[in-house]
């Protein structure tokens, strides 16, 4: 797995953790963020730019939760 793929996987895991516990941090989210910081340092500038776009896309993605009618 490349460093880019590793970061992308962690980013998606973080989105899932945050979806389960909206509005609050959790030990699981904190651990993921710490690991993401380490992996981020290993990314190239180009990979970081691509990941910024991925992060923006995830931030704008509709929630995976079903909203009652």
PDB file of N, CA and C in Angstrom:
ATOM      1  N   UNK A   1       0.859  -1.172   0.000  1.00  0.00           N
ATOM      2  CA  UNK A   1       0.000   0.000   0.000  1.00  0.00           C
ATOM      3  C   UNK A   1       0.905   1.234   0.000  1.00  0.00           C
ATOM      4  N   UNK A   2       0.581   2.175  -0.861  1.00  0.00           N
ATOM      5  CA  UNK A   2       1.358   3.409  -0.904  1.00  0.00           C
ATOM      6  C   UNK A   2       0.988   4.306   0.271  1.00  0.00           C
ATOM      7  N   UNK A   3       1.813   5.291   0.526  1.00  0.00           N
ATOM      8  CA  UNK A   3       1.537   6.248   1.594  1.00  0.00           C
ATOM      9  C   UNK A   3       0.229   6.979   1.293  1.00  0.00           C
ATOM     10  N   UNK A   4       0.030   7.328   0.032  1.00  0.00           N
ATOM     11  CA  UNK A   4      -1.197   8.013  -0.379  1.00  0.00           C
ATOM     12  C   UNK A   4      -2.424   7.145  -0.074  1.00  0.00           C
ATOM     13  N   UNK A   5      -2.341   5.868  -0.448  1.00  0.00           N
ATOM     14  CA  UNK A   5      -3.461   4.956  -0.193  1.00  0.00           C
ATOM     15  C   UNK A   5      -3.705   4.791   1.302  1.00  0.00           C
ATOM     16  N   UNK A   6      -2.641   4.733   2.064  1.00  0.00           N
ATOM     17  CA  UNK A   6      -2.759   4.600   3.523  1.00  0.00           C
ATOM     18  C   UNK A   6      -3.506   5.805   4.099  1.00  0.00           C
ATOM     19  N   UNK A   7      -3.108   7.008   3.666  1.00  0.00           N
ATOM     20  CA  UNK A   7      -3.765   8.213   4.178  1.00  0.00           C
ATOM     21  C   UNK A   7      -5.235   8.239   3.761  1.00  0.00           C
ATOM     22  N   UNK A   8      -5.495   7.870   2.527  1.00  0.00           N
ATOM     23  CA  UNK A   8      -6.868   7.878   2.011  1.00  0.00           C
ATOM     24  C   UNK A   8      -7.743   6.912   2.814  1.00  0.00           C
ATOM     25  N   UNK A   9      -7.201   5.747   3.141  1.00  0.00           N
ATOM     26  CA  UNK A   9      -7.925   4.771   3.951  1.00  0.00           C
ATOM     27  C   UNK A   9      -8.221   5.334   5.336  1.00  0.00           C
ATOM     28  N   UNK A  10      -7.230   5.970   5.938  1.00  0.00           N
ATOM     29  CA  UNK A  10      -7.424   6.572   7.256  1.00  0.00           C
ATOM     30  C   UNK A  10      -8.466   7.682   7.203  1.00  0.00           C
ATOM     31  N   UNK A  11      -8.450   8.465   6.143  1.00  0.00           N
ATOM     32  CA  UNK A  11      -9.415   9.553   5.988  1.00  0.00           C
ATOM     33  C   UNK A  11     -10.842   9.007   5.929  1.00  0.00           C
ATOM     34  N   UNK A  12     -11.031   7.927   5.204  1.00  0.00           N
ATOM     35  CA  UNK A  12     -12.363   7.338   5.105  1.00  0.00           C
ATOM     36  C   UNK A  12     -12.784   6.712   6.436  1.00  0.00           C
ATOM     37  N   UNK A  13     -11.845   6.098   7.141  1.00  0.00           N
ATOM     38  CA  UNK A  13     -12.162   5.564   8.469  1.00  0.00           C
ATOM     39  C   UNK A  13     -12.580   6.687   9.410  1.00  0.00           C
ATOM     40  N   UNK A  14     -11.883   7.801   9.342  1.00  0.00           N
ATOM     41  CA  UNK A  14     -12.228   8.945  10.191  1.00  0.00           C
ATOM     42  C   UNK A  14     -13.637   9.442   9.879  1.00  0.00           C
ATOM     43  N   UNK A  15     -13.982   9.511   8.604  1.00  0.00           N
ATOM     44  CA  UNK A  15     -15.335   9.948   8.230  1.00  0.00           C
ATOM     45  C   UNK A  15     -16.388   9.012   8.819  1.00  0.00           C
ATOM     46  N   UNK A  16     -16.115   7.710   8.805  1.00  0.00           N
ATOM     47  CA  UNK A  16     -17.058   6.752   9.375  1.00  0.00           C
ATOM     48  C   UNK A  16     -17.161   6.895  10.889  1.00  0.00           C
ATOM     49  N   UNK A  17     -16.037   7.082  11.554  1.00  0.00           N
ATOM     50  CA  UNK A  17     -16.033   7.254  13.008  1.00  0.00           C
ATOM     51  C   UNK A  17     -16.804   8.507  13.389  1.00  0.00           C
ATOM     52  N   UNK A  18     -16.573   9.578  12.656  1.00  0.00           N
ATOM     53  CA  UNK A  18     -17.275  10.832  12.953  1.00  0.00           C
ATOM     54  C   UNK A  18     -18.764  10.732  12.666  1.00  0.00           C
ATOM     55  N   UNK A  19     -19.137   9.931  11.688  1.00  0.00           N
ATOM     56  CA  UNK A  19     -20.559   9.747  11.385  1.00  0.00           C
ATOM     57  C   UNK A  19     -21.262   8.997  12.516  1.00  0.00           C
ATOM     58  N   UNK A  20     -20.533   8.094  13.165  1.00  0.00           N
ATOM     59  CA  UNK A  20     -21.110   7.343  14.280  1.00  0.00           C
ATOM     60  C   UNK A  20     -21.240   8.188  15.537  1.00  0.00           C
ATOM     61  N   UNK A  21     -20.361   9.186  15.676  1.00  0.00           N
ATOM     62  CA  UNK A  21     -20.369  10.028  16.882  1.00  0.00           C
ATOM     63  C   UNK A  21     -20.289  11.492  16.486  1.00  0.00           C
ATOM     64  N   UNK A  22     -21.353  12.011  15.851  1.00  0.00           N
ATOM     65  CA  UNK A  22     -21.314  13.406  15.401  1.00  0.00           C
ATOM     66  C   UNK A  22     -21.264  14.377  16.575  1.00  0.00           C
ATOM     67  N   UNK A  23     -20.552  15.455  16.350  1.00  0.00           N
ATOM     68  CA  UNK A  23     -20.517  16.517  17.348  1.00  0.00           C
ATOM     69  C   UNK A  23     -19.575  16.280  18.501  1.00  0.00           C
ATOM     70  N   UNK A  24     -18.822  15.221  18.458  1.00  0.00           N
ATOM     71  CA  UNK A  24     -17.913  14.970  19.562  1.00  0.00           C
ATOM     72  C   UNK A  24     -16.725  14.138  19.135  1.00  0.00           C
ATOM     73  N   UNK A  25     -15.613  14.394  19.782  1.00  0.00           N
ATOM     74  CA  UNK A  25     -14.425  13.604  19.500  1.00  0.00           C
ATOM     75  C   UNK A  25     -14.501  12.304  20.278  1.00  0.00           C
ATOM     76  N   UNK A  26     -13.779  11.340  19.802  1.00  0.00           N
ATOM     77  CA  UNK A  26     -13.723  10.054  20.479  1.00  0.00           C
ATOM     78  C   UNK A  26     -12.270   9.612  20.527  1.00  0.00           C
ATOM     79  N   UNK A  27     -11.948   8.702  21.416  1.00  0.00           N
ATOM     80  CA  UNK A  27     -10.578   8.186  21.451  1.00  0.00           C
ATOM     81  C   UNK A  27     -10.165   7.557  20.118  1.00  0.00           C
ATOM     82  N   UNK A  28     -11.128   6.918  19.446  1.00  0.00           N
ATOM     83  CA  UNK A  28     -10.843   6.306  18.150  1.00  0.00           C
ATOM     84  C   UNK A  28     -10.493   7.380  17.112  1.00  0.00           C
ATOM     85  N   UNK A  29     -11.250   8.474  17.102  1.00  0.00           N
ATOM     86  CA  UNK A  29     -10.974   9.565  16.170  1.00  0.00           C
ATOM     87  C   UNK A  29      -9.625  10.207  16.489  1.00  0.00           C
ATOM     88  N   UNK A  30      -9.340  10.396  17.769  1.00  0.00           N
ATOM     89  CA  UNK A  30      -8.060  10.984  18.161  1.00  0.00           C
ATOM     90  C   UNK A  30      -6.889  10.121  17.697  1.00  0.00           C
ATOM     91  N   UNK A  31      -7.018   8.811  17.858  1.00  0.00           N
ATOM     92  CA  UNK A  31      -5.953   7.895  17.432  1.00  0.00           C
ATOM     93  C   UNK A  31      -5.769   7.946  15.912  1.00  0.00           C
ATOM     94  N   UNK A  32      -6.879   7.989  15.182  1.00  0.00           N
ATOM     95  CA  UNK A  32      -6.795   8.094  13.722  1.00  0.00           C
ATOM     96  C   UNK A  32      -6.113   9.395  13.305  1.00  0.00           C
ATOM     97  N   UNK A  33      -6.471  10.489  13.958  1.00  0.00           N
ATOM     98  CA  UNK A  33      -5.874  11.784  13.623  1.00  0.00           C
ATOM     99  C   UNK A  33      -4.370  11.793  13.897  1.00  0.00           C
ATOM    100  N   UNK A  34      -3.951  11.163  14.976  1.00  0.00           N
ATOM    101  CA  UNK A  34      -2.516  11.078  15.271  1.00  0.00           C
ATOM    102  C   UNK A  34      -1.778  10.296  14.189  1.00  0.00           C
ATOM    103  N   UNK A  35      -2.355   9.187  13.775  1.00  0.00           N
ATOM    104  CA  UNK A  35      -1.748   8.376  12.718  1.00  0.00           C
ATOM    105  C   UNK A  35      -1.741   9.139  11.401  1.00  0.00           C
ATOM    106  N   UNK A  36      -2.829   9.852  11.129  1.00  0.00           N
ATOM    107  CA  UNK A  36      -2.905  10.631   9.895  1.00  0.00           C
ATOM    108  C   UNK A  36      -1.829  11.704   9.851  1.00  0.00           C
ATOM    109  N   UNK A  37      -1.531  12.325  10.981  1.00  0.00           N
ATOM    110  CA  UNK A  37      -0.464  13.333  11.027  1.00  0.00           C
ATOM    111  C   UNK A  37       0.875  12.724  10.627  1.00  0.00           C
ATOM    112  N   UNK A  38       1.151  11.529  11.124  1.00  0.00           N
ATOM    113  CA  UNK A  38       2.406  10.852  10.798  1.00  0.00           C
ATOM    114  C   UNK A  38       2.481  10.513   9.314  1.00  0.00           C
ATOM    115  N   UNK A  39       1.393   9.996   8.776  1.00  0.00           N
ATOM    116  CA  UNK A  39       1.359   9.617   7.363  1.00  0.00           C
ATOM    117  C   UNK A  39       1.431  10.860   6.478  1.00  0.00           C
ATOM    118  N   UNK A  40       0.780  11.943   6.896  1.00  0.00           N
ATOM    119  CA  UNK A  40       0.788  13.194   6.128  1.00  0.00           C
ATOM    120  C   UNK A  40       2.216  13.673   5.889  1.00  0.00           C
ATOM    121  N   UNK A  41       3.047  13.554   6.919  1.00  0.00           N
ATOM    122  CA  UNK A  41       4.439  13.991   6.799  1.00  0.00           C
ATOM    123  C   UNK A  41       5.205  13.215   5.739  1.00  0.00           C
ATOM    124  N   UNK A  42       4.762  12.003   5.437  1.00  0.00           N
ATOM    125  CA  UNK A  42       5.438  11.162   4.448  1.00  0.00           C
ATOM    126  C   UNK A  42       4.928  11.394   3.021  1.00  0.00           C
ATOM    127  N   UNK A  43       3.849  12.148   2.872  1.00  0.00           N
ATOM    128  CA  UNK A  43       3.298  12.423   1.532  1.00  0.00           C
ATOM    129  C   UNK A  43       4.144  13.451   0.792  1.00  0.00           C
ATOM    130  N   UNK A  44       4.180  13.321  -0.523  1.00  0.00           N
ATOM    131  CA  UNK A  44       4.838  14.339  -1.353  1.00  0.00           C
ATOM    132  C   UNK A  44       3.907  15.544  -1.477  1.00  0.00           C
ATOM    133  N   UNK A  45       4.418  16.631  -2.000  1.00  0.00           N
ATOM    134  CA  UNK A  45       3.591  17.835  -2.190  1.00  0.00           C
ATOM    135  C   UNK A  45       2.420  17.555  -3.130  1.00  0.00           C
ATOM    136  N   UNK A  46       2.668  16.807  -4.189  1.00  0.00           N
ATOM    137  CA  UNK A  46       1.601  16.468  -5.127  1.00  0.00           C
ATOM    138  C   UNK A  46       0.532  15.600  -4.490  1.00  0.00           C
ATOM    139  N   UNK A  47       0.971  14.636  -3.681  1.00  0.00           N
ATOM    140  CA  UNK A  47       0.020  13.780  -2.981  1.00  0.00           C
ATOM    141  C   UNK A  47      -0.797  14.583  -1.979  1.00  0.00           C
ATOM    142  N   UNK A  48      -0.151  15.535  -1.321  1.00  0.00           N
ATOM    143  CA  UNK A  48      -0.874  16.380  -0.364  1.00  0.00           C
ATOM    144  C   UNK A  48      -1.941  17.211  -1.071  1.00  0.00           C
ATOM    145  N   UNK A  49      -1.603  17.754  -2.237  1.00  0.00           N
ATOM    146  CA  UNK A  49      -2.574  18.547  -3.000  1.00  0.00           C
ATOM    147  C   UNK A  49      -3.759  17.678  -3.410  1.00  0.00           C
ATOM    148  N   UNK A  50      -3.481  16.466  -3.875  1.00  0.00           N
ATOM    149  CA  UNK A  50      -4.555  15.557  -4.269  1.00  0.00           C
ATOM    150  C   UNK A  50      -5.410  15.187  -3.057  1.00  0.00           C
ATOM    151  N   UNK A  51      -4.775  15.001  -1.922  1.00  0.00           N
ATOM    152  CA  UNK A  51      -5.508  14.627  -0.718  1.00  0.00           C
ATOM    153  C   UNK A  51      -6.375  15.782  -0.218  1.00  0.00           C
ATOM    154  N   UNK A  52      -5.912  17.004  -0.378  1.00  0.00           N
ATOM    155  CA  UNK A  52      -6.744  18.164  -0.006  1.00  0.00           C
ATOM    156  C   UNK A  52      -8.042  18.154  -0.808  1.00  0.00           C
ATOM    157  N   UNK A  53      -7.943  17.809  -2.091  1.00  0.00           N
ATOM    158  CA  UNK A  53      -9.154  17.723  -2.915  1.00  0.00           C
ATOM    159  C   UNK A  53     -10.063  16.598  -2.420  1.00  0.00           C
ATOM    160  N   UNK A  54      -9.474  15.471  -2.037  1.00  0.00           N
ATOM    161  CA  UNK A  54     -10.241  14.347  -1.513  1.00  0.00           C
ATOM    162  C   UNK A  54     -10.935  14.723  -0.204  1.00  0.00           C
ATOM    163  N   UNK A  55     -10.229  15.419   0.663  1.00  0.00           N
ATOM    164  CA  UNK A  55     -10.806  15.851   1.933  1.00  0.00           C
ATOM    165  C   UNK A  55     -11.972  16.803   1.691  1.00  0.00           C
ATOM    166  N   UNK A  56     -11.832  17.711   0.735  1.00  0.00           N
ATOM    167  CA  UNK A  56     -12.914  18.645   0.417  1.00  0.00           C
ATOM    168  C   UNK A  56     -14.121  17.887  -0.135  1.00  0.00           C
ATOM    169  N   UNK A  57     -13.861  16.882  -0.952  1.00  0.00           N
ATOM    170  CA  UNK A  57     -14.948  16.093  -1.525  1.00  0.00           C
ATOM    171  C   UNK A  57     -15.704  15.354  -0.427  1.00  0.00           C
ATOM    172  N   UNK A  58     -14.987  14.774   0.510  1.00  0.00           N
ATOM    173  CA  UNK A  58     -15.638  14.068   1.615  1.00  0.00           C
ATOM    174  C   UNK A  58     -16.436  15.020   2.496  1.00  0.00           C
ATOM    175  N   UNK A  59     -15.935  16.211   2.679  1.00  0.00           N
ATOM    176  CA  UNK A  59     -16.629  17.191   3.518  1.00  0.00           C
ATOM    177  C   UNK A  59     -17.959  17.605   2.896  1.00  0.00           C
ATOM    178  N   UNK A  60     -18.026  17.573   1.567  1.00  0.00           N
ATOM    179  CA  UNK A  60     -19.246  17.984   0.868  1.00  0.00           C
ATOM    180  C   UNK A  60     -20.169  16.820   0.544  1.00  0.00           C
ATOM    181  N   UNK A  61     -19.700  15.592   0.790  1.00  0.00           N
ATOM    182  CA  UNK A  61     -20.508  14.416   0.463  1.00  0.00           C
ATOM    183  C   UNK A  61     -21.748  14.379   1.342  1.00  0.00           C
ATOM    184  N   UNK A  62     -22.859  13.956   0.782  1.00  0.00           N
ATOM    185  CA  UNK A  62     -24.073  13.840   1.593  1.00  0.00           C
ATOM    186  C   UNK A  62     -23.881  12.789   2.674  1.00  0.00           C
ATOM    187  N   UNK A  63     -24.569  12.981   3.755  1.00  0.00           N
ATOM    188  CA  UNK A  63     -24.488  12.058   4.876  1.00  0.00           C
ATOM    189  C   UNK A  63     -24.981  10.678   4.451  1.00  0.00           C
ATOM    190  N   UNK A  64     -24.374   9.647   5.003  1.00  0.00           N
ATOM    191  CA  UNK A  64     -24.803   8.285   4.681  1.00  0.00           C
ATOM    192  C   UNK A  64     -25.966   7.850   5.558  1.00  0.00           C
ATOM    193  N   UNK A  65     -26.376   8.701   6.469  1.00  0.00           N
ATOM    194  CA  UNK A  65     -27.505   8.370   7.336  1.00  0.00           C
ATOM    195  C   UNK A  65     -28.826   8.587   6.613  1.00  0.00           C
ATOM    196  N   UNK A  66     -29.762   7.741   6.893  1.00  0.00           N
ATOM    197  CA  UNK A  66     -31.102   7.910   6.339  1.00  0.00           C
ATOM    198  C   UNK A  66     -31.847   8.936   7.177  1.00  0.00           C
ATOM    199  N   UNK A  67     -32.499   9.847   6.515  1.00  0.00           N
ATOM    200  CA  UNK A  67     -33.259  10.880   7.201  1.00  0.00           C
ATOM    201  C   UNK A  67     -34.727  10.499   7.117  1.00  0.00           C
ATOM    202  N   UNK A  68     -35.398  10.365   8.276  1.00  0.00           N
ATOM    203  CA  UNK A  68     -36.825   9.992   8.237  1.00  0.00           C
ATOM    204  C   UNK A  68     -37.660  11.067   7.539  1.00  0.00           C
ATOM    205  N   UNK A  69     -38.651  10.633   6.817  1.00  0.00           N
ATOM    206  CA  UNK A  69     -39.522  11.556   6.080  1.00  0.00           C
ATOM    207  C   UNK A  69     -40.529  12.192   7.001  1.00  0.00           C
TER     208      UNK A  69
END
